[in-house]
């Protein structure tokens, strides 16, 4: 099983290198680019995990306000999140 996983990871990394042209770069250039890619992915992951739930709740509260003109029935959710 570990050999299958390692072969799969190697294949995906090879495809990543060929797709983005990394195979033509030096090891330092690859390191910098990979660090940037990991940083962007980490920022997206952080934003989705910690910011998306507040965004959804705020959007639903605004939708309730626009549809019904008040927060009746959802006051505790909408007022606690600063809507």
PDB file of N, CA and C in Angstrom:
ATOM      1  N   UNK A   1       0.813  -1.209   0.000  1.00  0.00           N
ATOM      2  CA  UNK A   1       0.000   0.000   0.000  1.00  0.00           C
ATOM      3  C   UNK A   1       0.858   1.276   0.000  1.00  0.00           C
ATOM      4  N   UNK A   2       1.930   1.362   0.824  1.00  0.00           N
ATOM      5  CA  UNK A   2       2.737   2.582   0.804  1.00  0.00           C
ATOM      6  C   UNK A   2       3.391   2.844  -0.552  1.00  0.00           C
ATOM      7  N   UNK A   3       3.760   1.789  -1.267  1.00  0.00           N
ATOM      8  CA  UNK A   3       4.379   2.012  -2.575  1.00  0.00           C
ATOM      9  C   UNK A   3       3.373   2.581  -3.567  1.00  0.00           C
ATOM     10  N   UNK A   4       2.121   2.149  -3.475  1.00  0.00           N
ATOM     11  CA  UNK A   4       1.082   2.702  -4.355  1.00  0.00           C
ATOM     12  C   UNK A   4       0.864   4.179  -4.067  1.00  0.00           C
ATOM     13  N   UNK A   5       0.844   4.532  -2.794  1.00  0.00           N
ATOM     14  CA  UNK A   5       0.648   5.930  -2.408  1.00  0.00           C
ATOM     15  C   UNK A   5       1.828   6.779  -2.857  1.00  0.00           C
ATOM     16  N   UNK A   6       3.034   6.280  -2.648  1.00  0.00           N
ATOM     17  CA  UNK A   6       4.208   7.065  -3.053  1.00  0.00           C
ATOM     18  C   UNK A   6       4.271   7.212  -4.575  1.00  0.00           C
ATOM     19  N   UNK A   7       3.914   6.175  -5.314  1.00  0.00           N
ATOM     20  CA  UNK A   7       3.878   6.287  -6.769  1.00  0.00           C
ATOM     21  C   UNK A   7       2.821   7.284  -7.224  1.00  0.00           C
ATOM     22  N   UNK A   8       1.677   7.284  -6.561  1.00  0.00           N
ATOM     23  CA  UNK A   8       0.607   8.222  -6.893  1.00  0.00           C
ATOM     24  C   UNK A   8       1.058   9.664  -6.651  1.00  0.00           C
ATOM     25  N   UNK A   9       1.718   9.898  -5.509  1.00  0.00           N
ATOM     26  CA  UNK A   9       2.197  11.245  -5.178  1.00  0.00           C
ATOM     27  C   UNK A   9       3.273  11.680  -6.166  1.00  0.00           C
ATOM     28  N   UNK A  10       4.187  10.783  -6.498  1.00  0.00           N
ATOM     29  CA  UNK A  10       5.222  11.111  -7.487  1.00  0.00           C
ATOM     30  C   UNK A  10       4.619  11.456  -8.843  1.00  0.00           C
ATOM     31  N   UNK A  11       3.628  10.679  -9.272  1.00  0.00           N
ATOM     32  CA  UNK A  11       2.978  10.945 -10.553  1.00  0.00           C
ATOM     33  C   UNK A  11       2.297  12.305 -10.548  1.00  0.00           C
ATOM     34  N   UNK A  12       1.583  12.624  -9.469  1.00  0.00           N
ATOM     35  CA  UNK A  12       0.892  13.920  -9.388  1.00  0.00           C
ATOM     36  C   UNK A  12       1.897  15.063  -9.348  1.00  0.00           C
ATOM     37  N   UNK A  13       3.009  14.912  -8.654  1.00  0.00           N
ATOM     38  CA  UNK A  13       4.021  15.958  -8.618  1.00  0.00           C
ATOM     39  C   UNK A  13       4.670  16.130  -9.990  1.00  0.00           C
ATOM     40  N   UNK A  14       4.904  15.025 -10.682  1.00  0.00           N
ATOM     41  CA  UNK A  14       5.455  15.102 -12.035  1.00  0.00           C
ATOM     42  C   UNK A  14       4.486  15.844 -12.963  1.00  0.00           C
ATOM     43  N   UNK A  15       3.211  15.528 -12.864  1.00  0.00           N
ATOM     44  CA  UNK A  15       2.213  16.228 -13.683  1.00  0.00           C
ATOM     45  C   UNK A  15       2.169  17.712 -13.341  1.00  0.00           C
ATOM     46  N   UNK A  16       2.299  18.046 -12.072  1.00  0.00           N
ATOM     47  CA  UNK A  16       2.342  19.440 -11.631  1.00  0.00           C
ATOM     48  C   UNK A  16       3.555  20.150 -12.229  1.00  0.00           C
ATOM     49  N   UNK A  17       4.717  19.502 -12.192  1.00  0.00           N
ATOM     50  CA  UNK A  17       5.929  20.104 -12.754  1.00  0.00           C
ATOM     51  C   UNK A  17       5.814  20.312 -14.261  1.00  0.00           C
ATOM     52  N   UNK A  18       5.284  19.335 -14.957  1.00  0.00           N
ATOM     53  CA  UNK A  18       5.171  19.436 -16.411  1.00  0.00           C
ATOM     54  C   UNK A  18       4.117  20.469 -16.801  1.00  0.00           C
ATOM     55  N   UNK A  19       3.011  20.507 -16.095  1.00  0.00           N
ATOM     56  CA  UNK A  19       1.931  21.436 -16.425  1.00  0.00           C
ATOM     57  C   UNK A  19       2.371  22.883 -16.259  1.00  0.00           C
ATOM     58  N   UNK A  20       3.063  23.192 -15.176  1.00  0.00           N
ATOM     59  CA  UNK A  20       3.435  24.573 -14.893  1.00  0.00           C
ATOM     60  C   UNK A  20       4.869  24.920 -15.303  1.00  0.00           C
ATOM     61  N   UNK A  21       5.548  23.998 -15.943  1.00  0.00           N
ATOM     62  CA  UNK A  21       6.885  24.273 -16.436  1.00  0.00           C
ATOM     63  C   UNK A  21       7.961  24.301 -15.374  1.00  0.00           C
ATOM     64  N   UNK A  22       7.720  23.683 -14.254  1.00  0.00           N
ATOM     65  CA  UNK A  22       8.700  23.681 -13.166  1.00  0.00           C
ATOM     66  C   UNK A  22       9.931  22.849 -13.482  1.00  0.00           C
ATOM     67  N   UNK A  23       9.796  21.899 -14.377  1.00  0.00           N
ATOM     68  CA  UNK A  23      10.928  21.027 -14.689  1.00  0.00           C
ATOM     69  C   UNK A  23      12.072  21.805 -15.336  1.00  0.00           C
ATOM     70  N   UNK A  24      11.822  22.997 -15.828  1.00  0.00           N
ATOM     71  CA  UNK A  24      12.854  23.814 -16.451  1.00  0.00           C
ATOM     72  C   UNK A  24      13.529  24.760 -15.463  1.00  0.00           C
ATOM     73  N   UNK A  25      13.040  24.818 -14.238  1.00  0.00           N
ATOM     74  CA  UNK A  25      13.568  25.753 -13.248  1.00  0.00           C
ATOM     75  C   UNK A  25      14.664  25.102 -12.405  1.00  0.00           C
ATOM     76  N   UNK A  26      15.455  25.962 -11.760  1.00  0.00           N
ATOM     77  CA  UNK A  26      16.448  25.457 -10.812  1.00  0.00           C
ATOM     78  C   UNK A  26      15.740  25.067  -9.522  1.00  0.00           C
ATOM     79  N   UNK A  27      16.460  24.405  -8.652  1.00  0.00           N
ATOM     80  CA  UNK A  27      15.834  23.959  -7.401  1.00  0.00           C
ATOM     81  C   UNK A  27      15.416  25.143  -6.524  1.00  0.00           C
ATOM     82  N   UNK A  28      16.168  26.233  -6.545  1.00  0.00           N
ATOM     83  CA  UNK A  28      15.788  27.423  -5.765  1.00  0.00           C
ATOM     84  C   UNK A  28      14.522  28.055  -6.318  1.00  0.00           C
ATOM     85  N   UNK A  29      14.423  28.139  -7.632  1.00  0.00           N
ATOM     86  CA  UNK A  29      13.221  28.712  -8.239  1.00  0.00           C
ATOM     87  C   UNK A  29      11.996  27.854  -7.944  1.00  0.00           C
ATOM     88  N   UNK A  30      12.172  26.536  -7.995  1.00  0.00           N
ATOM     89  CA  UNK A  30      11.073  25.637  -7.651  1.00  0.00           C
ATOM     90  C   UNK A  30      10.643  25.840  -6.202  1.00  0.00           C
ATOM     91  N   UNK A  31      11.615  25.985  -5.311  1.00  0.00           N
ATOM     92  CA  UNK A  31      11.307  26.185  -3.898  1.00  0.00           C
ATOM     93  C   UNK A  31      10.495  27.458  -3.687  1.00  0.00           C
ATOM     94  N   UNK A  32      10.902  28.547  -4.321  1.00  0.00           N
ATOM     95  CA  UNK A  32      10.194  29.822  -4.168  1.00  0.00           C
ATOM     96  C   UNK A  32       8.784  29.714  -4.714  1.00  0.00           C
ATOM     97  N   UNK A  33       8.636  29.147  -5.905  1.00  0.00           N
ATOM     98  CA  UNK A  33       7.310  29.027  -6.497  1.00  0.00           C
ATOM     99  C   UNK A  33       6.416  28.104  -5.681  1.00  0.00           C
ATOM    100  N   UNK A  34       6.957  26.987  -5.235  1.00  0.00           N
ATOM    101  CA  UNK A  34       6.165  26.071  -4.407  1.00  0.00           C
ATOM    102  C   UNK A  34       5.768  26.715  -3.079  1.00  0.00           C
ATOM    103  N   UNK A  35       6.663  27.514  -2.508  1.00  0.00           N
ATOM    104  CA  UNK A  35       6.328  28.220  -1.267  1.00  0.00           C
ATOM    105  C   UNK A  35       5.189  29.215  -1.496  1.00  0.00           C
ATOM    106  N   UNK A  36       5.219  29.903  -2.629  1.00  0.00           N
ATOM    107  CA  UNK A  36       4.127  30.821  -2.956  1.00  0.00           C
ATOM    108  C   UNK A  36       2.815  30.082  -3.152  1.00  0.00           C
ATOM    109  N   UNK A  37       2.852  28.963  -3.844  1.00  0.00           N
ATOM    110  CA  UNK A  37       1.638  28.178  -4.073  1.00  0.00           C
ATOM    111  C   UNK A  37       1.075  27.667  -2.750  1.00  0.00           C
ATOM    112  N   UNK A  38       1.939  27.156  -1.893  1.00  0.00           N
ATOM    113  CA  UNK A  38       1.486  26.660  -0.588  1.00  0.00           C
ATOM    114  C   UNK A  38       0.939  27.804   0.254  1.00  0.00           C
ATOM    115  N   UNK A  39       1.567  28.969   0.193  1.00  0.00           N
ATOM    116  CA  UNK A  39       1.067  30.123   0.946  1.00  0.00           C
ATOM    117  C   UNK A  39      -0.310  30.564   0.474  1.00  0.00           C
ATOM    118  N   UNK A  40      -0.522  30.599  -0.821  1.00  0.00           N
ATOM    119  CA  UNK A  40      -1.836  30.984  -1.359  1.00  0.00           C
ATOM    120  C   UNK A  40      -2.895  29.951  -0.978  1.00  0.00           C
ATOM    121  N   UNK A  41      -2.558  28.678  -1.102  1.00  0.00           N
ATOM    122  CA  UNK A  41      -3.508  27.635  -0.721  1.00  0.00           C
ATOM    123  C   UNK A  41      -3.823  27.677   0.778  1.00  0.00           C
ATOM    124  N   UNK A  42      -2.827  27.961   1.595  1.00  0.00           N
ATOM    125  CA  UNK A  42      -3.061  28.068   3.039  1.00  0.00           C
ATOM    126  C   UNK A  42      -3.966  29.261   3.357  1.00  0.00           C
ATOM    127  N   UNK A  43      -3.762  30.376   2.653  1.00  0.00           N
ATOM    128  CA  UNK A  43      -4.620  31.544   2.871  1.00  0.00           C
ATOM    129  C   UNK A  43      -6.052  31.261   2.447  1.00  0.00           C
ATOM    130  N   UNK A  44      -6.230  30.574   1.338  1.00  0.00           N
ATOM    131  CA  UNK A  44      -7.576  30.199   0.906  1.00  0.00           C
ATOM    132  C   UNK A  44      -8.233  29.247   1.894  1.00  0.00           C
ATOM    133  N   UNK A  45      -7.479  28.280   2.374  1.00  0.00           N
ATOM    134  CA  UNK A  45      -8.002  27.341   3.358  1.00  0.00           C
ATOM    135  C   UNK A  45      -8.418  28.064   4.643  1.00  0.00           C
ATOM    136  N   UNK A  46      -7.588  28.987   5.100  1.00  0.00           N
ATOM    137  CA  UNK A  46      -7.909  29.758   6.299  1.00  0.00           C
ATOM    138  C   UNK A  46      -9.173  30.586   6.089  1.00  0.00           C
ATOM    139  N   UNK A  47      -9.261  31.235   4.938  1.00  0.00           N
ATOM    140  CA  UNK A  47     -10.436  32.051   4.649  1.00  0.00           C
ATOM    141  C   UNK A  47     -11.711  31.239   4.586  1.00  0.00           C
ATOM    142  N   UNK A  48     -11.638  30.066   3.997  1.00  0.00           N
ATOM    143  CA  UNK A  48     -12.824  29.217   3.895  1.00  0.00           C
ATOM    144  C   UNK A  48     -13.214  28.682   5.269  1.00  0.00           C
ATOM    145  N   UNK A  49     -12.245  28.257   6.042  1.00  0.00           N
ATOM    146  CA  UNK A  49     -12.557  27.649   7.344  1.00  0.00           C
ATOM    147  C   UNK A  49     -13.062  28.660   8.371  1.00  0.00           C
ATOM    148  N   UNK A  50     -12.472  29.847   8.403  1.00  0.00           N
ATOM    149  CA  UNK A  50     -12.800  30.780   9.472  1.00  0.00           C
ATOM    150  C   UNK A  50     -13.634  31.972   9.036  1.00  0.00           C
ATOM    151  N   UNK A  51     -13.715  32.256   7.773  1.00  0.00           N
ATOM    152  CA  UNK A  51     -14.475  33.414   7.330  1.00  0.00           C
ATOM    153  C   UNK A  51     -15.759  33.082   6.618  1.00  0.00           C
ATOM    154  N   UNK A  52     -15.852  31.873   6.083  1.00  0.00           N
ATOM    155  CA  UNK A  52     -17.000  31.525   5.267  1.00  0.00           C
ATOM    156  C   UNK A  52     -18.277  31.389   6.085  1.00  0.00           C
ATOM    157  N   UNK A  53     -18.187  30.842   7.295  1.00  0.00           N
ATOM    158  CA  UNK A  53     -19.391  30.657   8.101  1.00  0.00           C
ATOM    159  C   UNK A  53     -19.995  32.008   8.487  1.00  0.00           C
ATOM    160  N   UNK A  54     -19.157  32.974   8.859  1.00  0.00           N
ATOM    161  CA  UNK A  54     -19.674  34.313   9.174  1.00  0.00           C
ATOM    162  C   UNK A  54     -20.306  34.950   7.952  1.00  0.00           C
ATOM    163  N   UNK A  55     -19.700  34.759   6.779  1.00  0.00           N
ATOM    164  CA  UNK A  55     -20.240  35.298   5.540  1.00  0.00           C
ATOM    165  C   UNK A  55     -21.615  34.706   5.236  1.00  0.00           C
ATOM    166  N   UNK A  56     -21.769  33.406   5.407  1.00  0.00           N
ATOM    167  CA  UNK A  56     -23.046  32.752   5.124  1.00  0.00           C
ATOM    168  C   UNK A  56     -24.114  33.231   6.088  1.00  0.00           C
ATOM    169  N   UNK A  57     -23.788  33.310   7.381  1.00  0.00           N
ATOM    170  CA  UNK A  57     -24.776  33.760   8.369  1.00  0.00           C
ATOM    171  C   UNK A  57     -25.178  35.206   8.102  1.00  0.00           C
ATOM    172  N   UNK A  58     -24.202  36.072   7.813  1.00  0.00           N
ATOM    173  CA  UNK A  58     -24.493  37.468   7.519  1.00  0.00           C
ATOM    174  C   UNK A  58     -25.357  37.600   6.265  1.00  0.00           C
ATOM    175  N   UNK A  59     -25.066  36.803   5.250  1.00  0.00           N
ATOM    176  CA  UNK A  59     -25.845  36.853   4.014  1.00  0.00           C
ATOM    177  C   UNK A  59     -27.273  36.370   4.237  1.00  0.00           C
ATOM    178  N   UNK A  60     -27.427  35.308   5.015  1.00  0.00           N
ATOM    179  CA  UNK A  60     -28.778  34.820   5.311  1.00  0.00           C
ATOM    180  C   UNK A  60     -29.574  35.831   6.124  1.00  0.00           C
ATOM    181  N   UNK A  61     -28.912  36.505   7.061  1.00  0.00           N
ATOM    182  CA  UNK A  61     -29.604  37.536   7.835  1.00  0.00           C
ATOM    183  C   UNK A  61     -30.057  38.683   6.931  1.00  0.00           C
ATOM    184  N   UNK A  62     -29.219  39.079   6.002  1.00  0.00           N
ATOM    185  CA  UNK A  62     -29.604  40.139   5.070  1.00  0.00           C
ATOM    186  C   UNK A  62     -30.744  39.692   4.171  1.00  0.00           C
ATOM    187  N   UNK A  63     -30.717  38.429   3.743  1.00  0.00           N
ATOM    188  CA  UNK A  63     -31.804  37.900   2.936  1.00  0.00           C
ATOM    189  C   UNK A  63     -33.112  37.915   3.711  1.00  0.00           C
ATOM    190  N   UNK A  64     -33.065  37.499   4.987  1.00  0.00           N
ATOM    191  CA  UNK A  64     -34.271  37.538   5.824  1.00  0.00           C
ATOM    192  C   UNK A  64     -34.760  38.967   5.957  1.00  0.00           C
ATOM    193  N   UNK A  65     -33.853  39.915   6.171  1.00  0.00           N
ATOM    194  CA  UNK A  65     -34.243  41.314   6.302  1.00  0.00           C
ATOM    195  C   UNK A  65     -34.918  41.829   5.027  1.00  0.00           C
ATOM    196  N   UNK A  66     -34.354  41.497   3.870  1.00  0.00           N
ATOM    197  CA  UNK A  66     -34.914  41.979   2.603  1.00  0.00           C
ATOM    198  C   UNK A  66     -36.240  41.311   2.276  1.00  0.00           C
ATOM    199  N   UNK A  67     -36.419  40.067   2.670  1.00  0.00           N
ATOM    200  CA  UNK A  67     -37.666  39.373   2.371  1.00  0.00           C
ATOM    201  C   UNK A  67     -38.791  39.761   3.322  1.00  0.00           C
ATOM    202  N   UNK A  68     -38.482  39.901   4.614  1.00  0.00           N
ATOM    203  CA  UNK A  68     -39.521  40.098   5.613  1.00  0.00           C
ATOM    204  C   UNK A  68     -39.485  41.464   6.286  1.00  0.00           C
ATOM    205  N   UNK A  69     -38.447  42.236   6.128  1.00  0.00           N
ATOM    206  CA  UNK A  69     -38.371  43.571   6.704  1.00  0.00           C
ATOM    207  C   UNK A  69     -37.954  43.599   8.158  1.00  0.00           C
ATOM    208  N   UNK A  70     -37.677  42.459   8.748  1.00  0.00           N
ATOM    209  CA  UNK A  70     -37.218  42.415  10.139  1.00  0.00           C
ATOM    210  C   UNK A  70     -36.501  41.092  10.374  1.00  0.00           C
ATOM    211  N   UNK A  71     -35.898  41.000  11.550  1.00  0.00           N
ATOM    212  CA  UNK A  71     -35.199  39.773  11.924  1.00  0.00           C
ATOM    213  C   UNK A  71     -36.081  38.884  12.794  1.00  0.00           C
ATOM    214  N   UNK A  72     -37.371  38.995  12.673  1.00  0.00           N
ATOM    215  CA  UNK A  72     -38.287  38.258  13.528  1.00  0.00           C
ATOM    216  C   UNK A  72     -38.078  36.746  13.358  1.00  0.00           C
ATOM    217  N   UNK A  73     -37.826  36.080  14.445  1.00  0.00           N
ATOM    218  CA  UNK A  73     -37.591  34.641  14.441  1.00  0.00           C
ATOM    219  C   UNK A  73     -36.120  34.266  14.401  1.00  0.00           C
ATOM    220  N   UNK A  74     -35.273  35.187  13.972  1.00  0.00           N
ATOM    221  CA  UNK A  74     -33.843  34.895  13.909  1.00  0.00           C
ATOM    222  C   UNK A  74     -33.037  35.989  14.603  1.00  0.00           C
ATOM    223  N   UNK A  75     -33.648  36.670  15.569  1.00  0.00           N
ATOM    224  CA  UNK A  75     -32.955  37.781  16.235  1.00  0.00           C
ATOM    225  C   UNK A  75     -31.684  37.345  16.917  1.00  0.00           C
ATOM    226  N   UNK A  76     -31.704  36.187  17.612  1.00  0.00           N
ATOM    227  CA  UNK A  76     -30.544  35.757  18.365  1.00  0.00           C
ATOM    228  C   UNK A  76     -29.369  35.414  17.453  1.00  0.00           C
ATOM    229  N   UNK A  77     -29.620  34.939  16.271  1.00  0.00           N
ATOM    230  CA  UNK A  77     -28.532  34.619  15.338  1.00  0.00           C
ATOM    231  C   UNK A  77     -27.987  35.886  14.711  1.00  0.00           C
ATOM    232  N   UNK A  78     -28.885  36.741  14.239  1.00  0.00           N
ATOM    233  CA  UNK A  78     -28.455  37.921  13.486  1.00  0.00           C
ATOM    234  C   UNK A  78     -27.844  39.000  14.370  1.00  0.00           C
ATOM    235  N   UNK A  79     -28.373  39.196  15.563  1.00  0.00           N
ATOM    236  CA  UNK A  79     -27.822  40.246  16.415  1.00  0.00           C
ATOM    237  C   UNK A  79     -26.507  39.829  17.064  1.00  0.00           C
ATOM    238  N   UNK A  80     -26.292  38.543  17.282  1.00  0.00           N
ATOM    239  CA  UNK A  80     -25.038  38.105  17.898  1.00  0.00           C
ATOM    240  C   UNK A  80     -23.883  38.150  16.922  1.00  0.00           C
ATOM    241  N   UNK A  81     -24.147  38.161  15.630  1.00  0.00           N
ATOM    242  CA  UNK A  81     -23.085  38.191  14.632  1.00  0.00           C
ATOM    243  C   UNK A  81     -22.872  39.581  14.047  1.00  0.00           C
ATOM    244  N   UNK A  82     -23.501  40.570  14.610  1.00  0.00           N
ATOM    245  CA  UNK A  82     -23.269  41.941  14.176  1.00  0.00           C
ATOM    246  C   UNK A  82     -23.854  42.292  12.829  1.00  0.00           C
ATOM    247  N   UNK A  83     -24.963  41.710  12.464  1.00  0.00           N
ATOM    248  CA  UNK A  83     -25.585  42.006  11.163  1.00  0.00           C
ATOM    249  C   UNK A  83     -26.182  43.388  11.128  1.00  0.00           C
TER     250      UNK A  83
END
